[in-house]
């Protein structure tokens, strides 16, 4: 099984990569770091999504307390 398939078990619903970041990042790991950080992080997630077909937020930065992925 490749990573694309393996990470599907962590998939959550969101309207876009931006919506995914806004909903699923912990507040102090994303929102409280300011607009410049949020813009940079969003661009990284968008690049990951384009390259791999999904993007993820690791457990330590996730509002859910676990890994979350977005497949679009």
N, C-alpha and C. Protein backbone atom coordinates (compact mmCIF):
# COMPACT_ATOMS: atom_id res chain seq x y z
N UNK A 1 0.85 -1.18 0.00
CA UNK A 1 0.00 0.00 0.00
C UNK A 1 0.90 1.25 0.00
N UNK A 2 0.58 2.23 -0.84
CA UNK A 2 1.35 3.46 -0.89
C UNK A 2 0.80 4.48 0.12
N UNK A 3 1.52 5.58 0.31
CA UNK A 3 1.11 6.60 1.29
C UNK A 3 -0.24 7.22 0.93
N UNK A 4 -0.50 7.43 -0.36
CA UNK A 4 -1.77 8.01 -0.78
C UNK A 4 -2.93 7.19 -0.25
N UNK A 5 -2.85 5.89 -0.38
CA UNK A 5 -3.91 5.01 0.10
C UNK A 5 -3.89 4.89 1.63
N UNK A 6 -2.72 4.78 2.21
CA UNK A 6 -2.60 4.59 3.66
C UNK A 6 -3.15 5.77 4.45
N UNK A 7 -3.03 6.97 3.93
CA UNK A 7 -3.45 8.16 4.67
C UNK A 7 -4.95 8.44 4.54
N UNK A 8 -5.64 7.72 3.66
CA UNK A 8 -7.08 7.94 3.47
C UNK A 8 -7.89 7.69 4.73
N UNK A 9 -7.40 6.85 5.62
CA UNK A 9 -8.15 6.58 6.85
C UNK A 9 -8.23 7.80 7.76
N UNK A 10 -7.43 8.83 7.49
CA UNK A 10 -7.44 10.06 8.28
C UNK A 10 -8.18 11.20 7.58
N UNK A 11 -8.82 10.91 6.46
CA UNK A 11 -9.47 11.95 5.66
C UNK A 11 -10.65 12.59 6.40
N UNK A 12 -10.74 13.91 6.25
CA UNK A 12 -11.85 14.69 6.80
C UNK A 12 -12.46 15.50 5.67
N UNK A 13 -13.64 16.01 5.91
CA UNK A 13 -14.33 16.81 4.89
C UNK A 13 -13.98 18.29 5.03
N UNK A 14 -13.75 18.91 3.89
CA UNK A 14 -13.51 20.35 3.81
C UNK A 14 -13.82 20.79 2.39
N UNK A 15 -14.09 22.06 2.22
CA UNK A 15 -14.44 22.60 0.90
C UNK A 15 -13.22 22.86 0.02
N UNK A 16 -12.07 23.10 0.65
CA UNK A 16 -10.85 23.46 -0.07
C UNK A 16 -9.66 23.25 0.86
N UNK A 17 -8.46 23.43 0.34
CA UNK A 17 -7.28 23.33 1.18
C UNK A 17 -7.33 24.42 2.25
N UNK A 18 -7.74 25.61 1.88
CA UNK A 18 -7.85 26.70 2.86
C UNK A 18 -8.87 26.36 3.95
N UNK A 19 -10.01 25.86 3.56
CA UNK A 19 -11.03 25.46 4.52
C UNK A 19 -10.48 24.37 5.45
N UNK A 20 -9.76 23.42 4.89
CA UNK A 20 -9.12 22.36 5.68
C UNK A 20 -8.19 22.96 6.72
N UNK A 21 -7.33 23.87 6.31
CA UNK A 21 -6.39 24.50 7.24
C UNK A 21 -7.13 25.29 8.33
N UNK A 22 -8.12 26.06 7.92
CA UNK A 22 -8.88 26.88 8.87
C UNK A 22 -9.61 26.01 9.90
N UNK A 23 -10.17 24.90 9.46
CA UNK A 23 -10.98 24.05 10.35
C UNK A 23 -10.15 23.12 11.22
N UNK A 24 -9.05 22.61 10.70
CA UNK A 24 -8.39 21.48 11.36
C UNK A 24 -7.04 21.77 12.00
N UNK A 25 -6.49 22.97 11.83
CA UNK A 25 -5.28 23.34 12.57
C UNK A 25 -5.69 23.79 13.96
N UNK A 26 -4.90 23.40 14.97
CA UNK A 26 -5.12 23.94 16.31
C UNK A 26 -4.95 25.46 16.24
N UNK A 27 -5.71 26.17 17.01
CA UNK A 27 -5.68 27.64 16.97
C UNK A 27 -4.27 28.16 17.22
N UNK A 28 -3.59 27.67 18.26
CA UNK A 28 -2.25 28.21 18.55
C UNK A 28 -1.17 27.68 17.60
N UNK A 29 -1.49 26.69 16.80
CA UNK A 29 -0.53 26.17 15.83
C UNK A 29 -0.70 26.82 14.46
N UNK A 30 -1.70 27.67 14.31
CA UNK A 30 -1.98 28.25 13.00
C UNK A 30 -2.51 29.67 13.14
N UNK A 31 -3.72 29.81 13.62
CA UNK A 31 -4.39 31.12 13.65
C UNK A 31 -3.66 32.16 14.50
N UNK A 32 -3.14 31.77 15.64
CA UNK A 32 -2.49 32.74 16.53
C UNK A 32 -1.08 33.09 16.09
N UNK A 33 -0.57 32.47 15.07
CA UNK A 33 0.78 32.78 14.57
C UNK A 33 0.78 33.94 13.59
N UNK A 34 -0.38 34.40 13.20
CA UNK A 34 -0.47 35.58 12.34
C UNK A 34 -0.64 35.27 10.87
N UNK A 35 -1.03 36.30 10.15
CA UNK A 35 -1.36 36.17 8.73
C UNK A 35 -0.18 35.68 7.89
N UNK A 36 1.01 36.20 8.14
CA UNK A 36 2.18 35.78 7.35
C UNK A 36 2.42 34.28 7.47
N UNK A 37 2.35 33.76 8.70
CA UNK A 37 2.54 32.33 8.89
C UNK A 37 1.42 31.55 8.22
N UNK A 38 0.18 32.00 8.39
CA UNK A 38 -0.96 31.31 7.80
C UNK A 38 -0.85 31.27 6.28
N UNK A 39 -0.43 32.39 5.67
CA UNK A 39 -0.26 32.42 4.21
C UNK A 39 0.82 31.44 3.76
N UNK A 40 1.95 31.42 4.48
CA UNK A 40 3.04 30.51 4.14
C UNK A 40 2.57 29.05 4.28
N UNK A 41 1.94 28.74 5.39
CA UNK A 41 1.51 27.37 5.65
C UNK A 41 0.47 26.91 4.62
N UNK A 42 -0.46 27.78 4.28
CA UNK A 42 -1.46 27.45 3.27
C UNK A 42 -0.80 27.13 1.93
N UNK A 43 0.18 27.93 1.53
CA UNK A 43 0.89 27.67 0.27
C UNK A 43 1.58 26.31 0.30
N UNK A 44 2.16 25.95 1.44
CA UNK A 44 2.82 24.64 1.57
C UNK A 44 1.80 23.51 1.44
N UNK A 45 0.64 23.68 2.08
CA UNK A 45 -0.41 22.66 1.96
C UNK A 45 -0.92 22.55 0.53
N UNK A 46 -1.07 23.69 -0.15
CA UNK A 46 -1.52 23.67 -1.55
C UNK A 46 -0.51 22.96 -2.45
N UNK A 47 0.79 23.21 -2.22
CA UNK A 47 1.83 22.53 -3.01
C UNK A 47 1.80 21.03 -2.75
N UNK A 48 1.66 20.64 -1.49
CA UNK A 48 1.58 19.22 -1.14
C UNK A 48 0.37 18.56 -1.80
N UNK A 49 -0.76 19.25 -1.77
CA UNK A 49 -1.99 18.74 -2.37
C UNK A 49 -1.81 18.52 -3.88
N UNK A 50 -1.20 19.49 -4.55
CA UNK A 50 -0.97 19.38 -5.99
C UNK A 50 0.02 18.26 -6.33
N UNK A 51 1.06 18.13 -5.53
CA UNK A 51 2.10 17.13 -5.81
C UNK A 51 1.67 15.70 -5.47
N UNK A 52 0.98 15.53 -4.34
CA UNK A 52 0.69 14.18 -3.86
C UNK A 52 -0.79 13.78 -3.94
N UNK A 53 -1.67 14.75 -4.19
CA UNK A 53 -3.10 14.44 -4.26
C UNK A 53 -3.81 14.50 -2.93
N UNK A 54 -3.09 14.86 -1.89
CA UNK A 54 -3.67 15.06 -0.57
C UNK A 54 -2.71 15.94 0.23
N UNK A 55 -3.19 16.46 1.34
CA UNK A 55 -2.34 17.18 2.28
C UNK A 55 -2.72 16.73 3.68
N UNK A 56 -1.81 16.92 4.62
CA UNK A 56 -2.08 16.44 5.97
C UNK A 56 -1.65 17.44 7.02
N UNK A 57 -2.29 17.33 8.17
CA UNK A 57 -1.89 18.07 9.36
C UNK A 57 -1.52 17.00 10.39
N UNK A 58 -0.30 17.07 10.93
CA UNK A 58 0.11 16.06 11.89
C UNK A 58 -0.61 16.20 13.23
N UNK A 59 -0.53 15.16 14.02
CA UNK A 59 -1.21 15.09 15.29
C UNK A 59 -0.95 16.30 16.19
N UNK A 60 0.28 16.75 16.27
CA UNK A 60 0.64 17.86 17.15
C UNK A 60 0.05 19.20 16.76
N UNK A 61 -0.35 19.35 15.52
CA UNK A 61 -0.91 20.62 15.04
C UNK A 61 -2.40 20.54 14.75
N UNK A 62 -2.97 19.37 14.93
CA UNK A 62 -4.37 19.14 14.56
C UNK A 62 -5.34 19.49 15.69
N UNK A 63 -6.43 20.12 15.32
CA UNK A 63 -7.49 20.45 16.28
C UNK A 63 -8.19 19.20 16.80
N UNK A 64 -8.05 18.09 16.08
CA UNK A 64 -8.71 16.85 16.50
C UNK A 64 -7.88 16.03 17.48
N UNK A 65 -6.60 16.36 17.59
CA UNK A 65 -5.71 15.57 18.43
C UNK A 65 -5.11 14.38 17.71
N UNK A 66 -5.44 14.22 16.44
CA UNK A 66 -4.91 13.13 15.62
C UNK A 66 -4.54 13.64 14.24
N UNK A 67 -3.93 12.79 13.45
CA UNK A 67 -3.60 13.14 12.07
C UNK A 67 -4.89 13.37 11.29
N UNK A 68 -4.89 14.39 10.42
CA UNK A 68 -6.02 14.60 9.50
C UNK A 68 -5.47 14.84 8.10
N UNK A 69 -6.20 14.35 7.11
CA UNK A 69 -5.79 14.54 5.72
C UNK A 69 -6.96 15.09 4.92
N UNK A 70 -6.63 15.75 3.81
CA UNK A 70 -7.62 16.31 2.90
C UNK A 70 -7.30 15.83 1.50
N UNK A 71 -8.31 15.24 0.86
CA UNK A 71 -8.17 14.72 -0.50
C UNK A 71 -8.97 15.51 -1.53
N UNK A 72 -9.74 16.47 -1.09
CA UNK A 72 -10.52 17.29 -2.03
C UNK A 72 -11.82 16.67 -2.43
